Amino acid sequence: MEKSIKLFNDVRIRVHWDEDLETWYFAIVDVIAVLTESVDAGAYWRKLKERLKKEGNETVTNCHTLKMIAADGKMRTTDVADTEQLFRLIQSVPSPKAEPLKMWLAKVGNERIDETRDPELTIERAMETYIRKGYSVEWVNQRLKSIEVRKELTDEWDKRGVKKGPEYAVLTDDITQAWSGFTTKEYKKLKSLKKENLRDHMTNLELVLNMLAEATTTEISKEKKPKTFDQNRTIAKQGGTIAGDTRKAIEAKSGKKIVTRENAKALKGRNKEIEEGNL
């Protein structure tokens, strides 16, 4: 678990990272202080919370409390919200500062509806987003292909009765550990990641091997037609091991480790140097 304080327009927002759940929690009263500039953000939040409860708002009901560092330096219990809960609460704050966020949320919601009508829009927007973030076109093409491979795998898991969520996570861990030598959590820690998507921080070769592991798992599953979760785990490890053997062979010939600490920041920096002719 990690606790820290982030500054926003000179107002501190206390945050808490839960490593087990891989979730950020934000002190609600601090966000209220930023959005409303209220002289008593605590009183403002208490009134808003009371009103939302009367309206039957489930977000308020499901809010957690955590001990965080207070202004006097002591650890005191305060209401916190995860990202989804926080966005819902922002929609209920009548403040000019909250309006840009509300507009953005409405825009995102409209885009998602558009994408259900035309799935190709999802791919186009993903391409635009990655390019805007500084990734190379070659990397983006590889990343989009990895999404396709992953979708084929999850479709196969659905056919075999694998449950989304925890079971998906276990099988993904089995595949990842078998090919890379790290569990997903260990891999993310190696690259100094928290909530970020691990694949968005892989090199081209890491992506290729991850795709090989998932595609191989898909093909074995189609042939073996596993009926139990344990059988699915065995196949996931087999698919990952095949890619793992390939990784070891490449490392033996090249003399370089494939799984590295490089994350998106390093990848994009290297892409920029290539474009400028420095590499």
Protein backbone atom coordinates (compact mmCIF):
# COMPACT_ATOMS: atom_id res chain seq x y z
CA MET A 1 0.00 0.00 0.00
CA GLU A 2 1.17 3.52 -0.78
CA LYS A 3 0.05 6.87 0.53
CA SER A 4 1.04 10.20 -0.99
CA ILE A 5 -0.14 13.75 -1.48
CA LYS A 6 -0.57 15.33 -4.91
CA LEU A 7 -0.87 19.06 -5.45
CA PHE A 8 -3.55 20.54 -7.70
CA ASN A 9 -3.54 24.35 -7.99
CA ASP A 10 -1.74 24.50 -4.62
CA VAL A 11 -4.46 22.36 -2.99
CA ARG A 12 -3.33 18.98 -1.71
CA ILE A 13 -5.23 15.87 -2.71
CA ARG A 14 -4.45 12.86 -0.58
CA VAL A 15 -4.29 9.59 -2.47
CA HIS A 16 -3.83 5.97 -1.49
CA TRP A 17 -2.65 3.14 -3.73
CA ASP A 18 -3.92 -0.34 -2.82
CA GLU A 19 -1.41 -2.71 -4.39
CA ASP A 20 -3.55 -5.82 -3.81
CA LEU A 21 -6.58 -4.33 -5.59
CA GLU A 22 -4.45 -2.21 -7.96
CA THR A 23 -6.73 0.73 -7.23
CA TRP A 24 -6.19 4.41 -6.45
CA TYR A 25 -8.33 5.96 -3.72
CA PHE A 26 -8.79 9.73 -3.41
CA ALA A 27 -9.76 11.76 -0.34
CA ILE A 28 -13.18 13.08 -1.37
CA VAL A 29 -13.05 16.19 0.80
CA ASP A 30 -9.80 17.26 -0.91
CA VAL A 31 -11.36 16.92 -4.37
CA ILE A 32 -14.39 18.89 -3.15
CA ALA A 33 -12.02 21.62 -1.95
CA VAL A 34 -10.44 21.87 -5.42
CA LEU A 35 -13.74 21.93 -7.32
CA THR A 36 -15.73 24.25 -5.07
CA GLU A 37 -13.10 26.40 -3.32
CA SER A 38 -15.39 26.13 -0.30
CA VAL A 39 -14.07 27.66 2.94
CA ASP A 40 -15.25 24.46 4.68
CA ALA A 41 -14.94 21.57 2.24
CA GLY A 42 -15.74 19.09 5.01
CA ALA A 43 -19.12 20.72 5.72
CA TYR A 44 -19.81 20.96 1.97
CA TRP A 45 -19.13 17.24 1.55
CA ARG A 46 -21.32 16.29 4.53
CA LYS A 47 -24.29 18.21 3.06
CA LEU A 48 -23.70 16.79 -0.42
CA LYS A 49 -23.39 13.27 0.95
CA GLU A 50 -26.64 13.65 2.90
CA ARG A 51 -28.47 14.89 -0.21
CA LEU A 52 -27.09 12.11 -2.41
CA LYS A 53 -28.06 9.46 0.14
CA LYS A 54 -31.64 10.75 0.16
CA GLU A 55 -31.62 10.46 -3.64
CA GLY A 56 -30.54 6.82 -3.31
CA ASN A 57 -27.08 7.41 -4.77
CA GLU A 58 -25.25 4.05 -4.53
CA THR A 59 -21.83 5.66 -5.01
CA VAL A 60 -22.09 7.42 -1.66
CA THR A 61 -23.34 4.24 0.01
CA ASN A 62 -20.40 2.25 -1.34
CA CYS A 63 -17.69 4.79 -0.49
CA HIS A 64 -14.86 3.51 1.71
CA THR A 65 -13.05 5.20 4.57
CA LEU A 66 -9.29 5.14 5.11
CA LYS A 67 -6.88 6.69 7.56
CA MET A 68 -4.90 9.47 5.89
CA ILE A 69 -2.56 12.20 7.06
CA ALA A 70 -4.64 15.19 8.22
CA ALA A 71 -3.58 18.86 8.32
CA ASP A 72 -2.36 18.40 11.91
CA GLY A 73 -0.03 15.60 10.82
CA LYS A 74 -2.08 12.85 12.48
CA MET A 75 -3.69 9.86 10.76
CA ARG A 76 -7.43 10.44 10.66
CA THR A 77 -10.30 8.54 9.01
CA THR A 78 -11.69 10.16 5.88
CA ASP A 79 -14.10 9.22 3.08
CA VAL A 80 -12.36 8.03 -0.09
CA ALA A 81 -13.50 7.10 -3.59
CA ASP A 82 -11.96 5.11 -6.41
CA THR A 83 -11.78 6.67 -9.88
CA GLU A 84 -15.22 5.50 -11.02
CA GLN A 85 -16.90 6.64 -7.80
CA LEU A 86 -15.08 9.97 -7.97
CA PHE A 87 -16.31 10.65 -11.50
CA ARG A 88 -19.87 9.93 -10.40
CA LEU A 89 -19.56 12.33 -7.46
CA ILE A 90 -18.10 15.06 -9.67
CA GLN A 91 -21.27 14.91 -11.77
CA SER A 92 -23.23 15.93 -8.66
CA VAL A 93 -21.05 18.93 -7.75
CA PRO A 94 -22.63 22.22 -8.96
CA SER A 95 -19.42 24.10 -9.69
CA PRO A 96 -17.94 25.87 -12.76
CA LYS A 97 -14.67 24.01 -12.12
CA ALA A 98 -16.48 20.68 -12.35
CA GLU A 99 -18.12 21.56 -15.67
CA PRO A 100 -15.11 20.71 -17.93
CA LEU A 101 -14.90 17.26 -16.31
CA LYS A 102 -18.64 16.75 -16.76
CA MET A 103 -18.36 17.70 -20.43
CA TRP A 104 -15.44 15.31 -20.88
CA LEU A 105 -17.36 12.45 -19.23
CA ALA A 106 -20.34 13.12 -21.50
CA LYS A 107 -18.05 13.12 -24.55
CA VAL A 108 -16.45 9.82 -23.53
CA GLY A 109 -19.87 8.29 -22.92
CA ASN A 110 -21.06 9.37 -26.35
CA GLU A 111 -17.92 7.92 -27.97
CA ARG A 112 -18.49 4.57 -26.29
CA ILE A 113 -22.07 4.47 -27.62
CA ASP A 114 -20.76 5.28 -31.10
CA GLU A 115 -18.23 2.45 -30.81
CA THR A 116 -20.94 -0.10 -30.01
CA ARG A 117 -22.62 0.88 -33.29
CA ASP A 118 -19.36 0.86 -35.28
CA PRO A 119 -16.54 -1.19 -33.65
CA GLU A 120 -14.02 0.11 -36.23
CA LEU A 121 -14.17 3.46 -34.43
CA THR A 122 -12.56 1.77 -31.40
CA ILE A 123 -9.52 0.80 -33.48
CA GLU A 124 -9.26 4.25 -35.10
CA ARG A 125 -9.45 6.04 -31.74
CA ALA A 126 -6.92 3.65 -30.20
CA MET A 127 -4.50 4.35 -33.07
CA GLU A 128 -4.96 8.12 -32.70
CA THR A 129 -4.51 7.95 -28.91
CA TYR A 130 -1.28 5.94 -29.06
CA ILE A 131 0.21 8.17 -31.80
CA ARG A 132 -0.73 11.27 -29.80
CA LYS A 133 1.05 9.80 -26.77
CA GLY A 134 4.27 9.51 -28.78
CA TYR A 135 4.38 5.83 -29.75
CA SER A 136 5.82 4.86 -33.14
CA VAL A 137 3.46 3.71 -35.89
CA GLU A 138 5.27 0.33 -35.94
CA TRP A 139 4.71 -0.15 -32.21
CA VAL A 140 1.05 0.88 -32.48
CA ASN A 141 0.40 -1.63 -35.26
CA GLN A 142 1.96 -4.32 -33.08
CA ARG A 143 -0.11 -3.24 -30.09
CA LEU A 144 -3.37 -3.31 -32.05
CA LYS A 145 -2.53 -6.80 -33.29
CA SER A 146 -1.95 -7.87 -29.69
CA ILE A 147 -5.48 -6.66 -28.84
CA GLU A 148 -6.88 -8.87 -31.61
CA VAL A 149 -4.91 -11.88 -30.36
CA ARG A 150 -6.08 -11.26 -26.79
CA LYS A 151 -9.72 -11.04 -27.94
CA GLU A 152 -9.43 -14.41 -29.71
CA LEU A 153 -8.07 -15.91 -26.49
CA THR A 154 -10.81 -14.48 -24.26
CA ASP A 155 -13.46 -15.63 -26.75
CA GLU A 156 -12.02 -19.14 -26.45
CA TRP A 157 -12.04 -18.89 -22.65
CA ASP A 158 -15.69 -17.84 -22.75
CA LYS A 159 -16.49 -20.97 -24.77
CA ARG A 160 -14.73 -23.09 -22.15
CA GLY A 161 -16.70 -21.56 -19.28
CA VAL A 162 -13.90 -19.45 -17.84
CA LYS A 163 -15.32 -16.61 -15.74
CA LYS A 164 -14.35 -13.03 -16.42
CA GLY A 165 -12.47 -11.30 -13.63
CA PRO A 166 -10.57 -13.49 -11.17
CA GLU A 167 -10.33 -16.57 -13.45
CA TYR A 168 -9.19 -14.48 -16.42
CA ALA A 169 -6.56 -12.94 -14.13
CA VAL A 170 -5.28 -16.32 -12.93
CA LEU A 171 -4.94 -17.69 -16.47
CA THR A 172 -3.25 -14.49 -17.65
CA ASP A 173 -0.82 -14.80 -14.75
CA ASP A 174 -0.09 -18.41 -15.72
CA ILE A 175 0.66 -17.42 -19.32
CA THR A 176 2.72 -14.36 -18.36
CA GLN A 177 4.82 -16.19 -15.78
CA ALA A 178 5.44 -19.13 -18.12
CA TRP A 179 6.83 -16.97 -20.93
CA SER A 180 8.41 -14.05 -19.06
CA GLY A 181 9.40 -15.55 -15.71
CA PHE A 182 7.26 -12.96 -13.89
CA THR A 183 3.67 -12.86 -12.71
CA THR A 184 1.69 -9.92 -14.06
CA LYS A 185 2.09 -8.03 -10.78
CA GLU A 186 5.84 -8.69 -10.67
CA TYR A 187 6.18 -7.66 -14.31
CA LYS A 188 4.38 -4.36 -13.64
CA LYS A 189 6.53 -3.74 -10.59
CA LEU A 190 9.66 -4.32 -12.70
CA LYS A 191 8.49 -1.58 -15.07
CA SER A 192 7.45 0.74 -12.19
CA LEU A 193 3.76 0.56 -13.13
CA LYS A 194 0.63 0.70 -11.03
CA LYS A 195 -2.78 1.04 -12.71
CA GLU A 196 -1.31 1.27 -16.23
CA ASN A 197 -1.85 -1.47 -18.81
CA LEU A 198 1.25 -3.67 -18.88
CA ARG A 199 1.09 -4.21 -22.66
CA ASP A 200 1.24 -0.44 -23.22
CA HIS A 201 4.71 -0.58 -21.70
CA MET A 202 6.14 -3.56 -23.56
CA THR A 203 8.80 -3.35 -26.25
CA ASN A 204 8.03 -4.75 -29.70
CA LEU A 205 9.73 -8.03 -28.84
CA GLU A 206 7.92 -8.34 -25.51
CA LEU A 207 4.63 -7.78 -27.33
CA VAL A 208 5.52 -10.40 -29.95
CA LEU A 209 6.32 -13.04 -27.34
CA ASN A 210 3.21 -12.21 -25.33
CA MET A 211 1.13 -12.59 -28.51
CA LEU A 212 2.86 -15.89 -29.27
CA ALA A 213 2.02 -17.14 -25.76
CA GLU A 214 -1.64 -16.12 -26.02
CA ALA A 215 -2.12 -17.29 -29.61
CA THR A 216 -0.53 -20.65 -28.78
CA THR A 217 -2.77 -21.01 -25.73
CA THR A 218 -5.80 -20.32 -27.93
CA GLU A 219 -4.82 -22.97 -30.48
CA ILE A 220 -4.08 -25.63 -27.83
CA SER A 221 -7.39 -24.88 -26.13
CA LYS A 222 -9.28 -25.27 -29.42
CA GLU A 223 -7.72 -28.70 -29.90
CA LYS A 224 -7.93 -29.96 -26.30
CA LYS A 225 -11.34 -28.42 -25.47
CA PRO A 226 -10.74 -28.19 -21.68
CA LYS A 227 -13.76 -28.77 -19.49
CA THR A 228 -12.45 -27.59 -16.11
CA PHE A 229 -10.63 -24.52 -14.85
CA ASP A 230 -7.61 -26.63 -13.86
CA GLN A 231 -7.42 -27.98 -17.41
CA ASN A 232 -7.51 -24.39 -18.70
CA ARG A 233 -4.64 -23.53 -16.34
CA THR A 234 -2.58 -26.44 -17.67
CA ILE A 235 -3.11 -25.24 -21.25
CA ALA A 236 -2.30 -21.62 -20.31
CA LYS A 237 1.02 -22.75 -18.86
CA GLN A 238 1.74 -24.84 -21.95
CA GLY A 239 1.09 -21.88 -24.27
CA GLY A 240 3.22 -19.61 -22.14
CA THR A 241 6.05 -22.16 -21.89
CA ILE A 242 6.35 -22.41 -25.68
CA ALA A 243 6.83 -18.63 -25.90
CA GLY A 244 9.14 -18.80 -22.88
CA ASP A 245 11.38 -21.31 -24.65
CA THR A 246 11.48 -18.96 -27.65
CA ARG A 247 12.47 -16.07 -25.35
CA LYS A 248 15.32 -18.09 -23.86
CA ALA A 249 16.56 -19.09 -27.31
CA ILE A 250 16.61 -15.46 -28.48
CA GLU A 251 18.37 -14.34 -25.31
CA ALA A 252 20.99 -17.08 -25.71
CA LYS A 253 21.76 -15.95 -29.27
CA SER A 254 21.56 -12.18 -28.70
CA GLY A 255 23.10 -12.07 -25.24
CA LYS A 256 20.42 -9.58 -24.16
CA LYS A 257 17.48 -9.86 -21.78
CA ILE A 258 14.10 -9.42 -23.48
CA VAL A 259 12.02 -8.65 -20.40
CA THR A 260 13.32 -5.27 -19.26
CA ARG A 261 12.54 -2.36 -16.97
CA GLU A 262 11.76 -0.20 -20.01
CA ASN A 263 8.32 1.38 -19.79
CA ALA A 264 6.44 3.72 -22.12
CA LYS A 265 8.55 6.73 -21.16
CA ALA A 266 11.74 4.96 -22.24
CA LEU A 267 10.12 3.51 -25.36
CA LYS A 268 8.81 6.86 -26.55
CA GLY A 269 12.14 8.53 -25.79
CA ARG A 270 13.92 5.96 -27.93
CA ASN A 271 11.38 6.41 -30.75
CA LYS A 272 12.02 10.16 -30.69
CA GLU A 273 15.78 9.65 -30.94
CA ILE A 274 15.30 7.31 -33.90
CA GLU A 275 13.13 9.90 -35.66
CA GLU A 276 15.77 12.59 -35.04
CA GLY A 277 18.52 10.32 -36.35
CA ASN A 278 20.37 9.99 -33.05
CA LEU A 279 20.04 6.19 -32.93
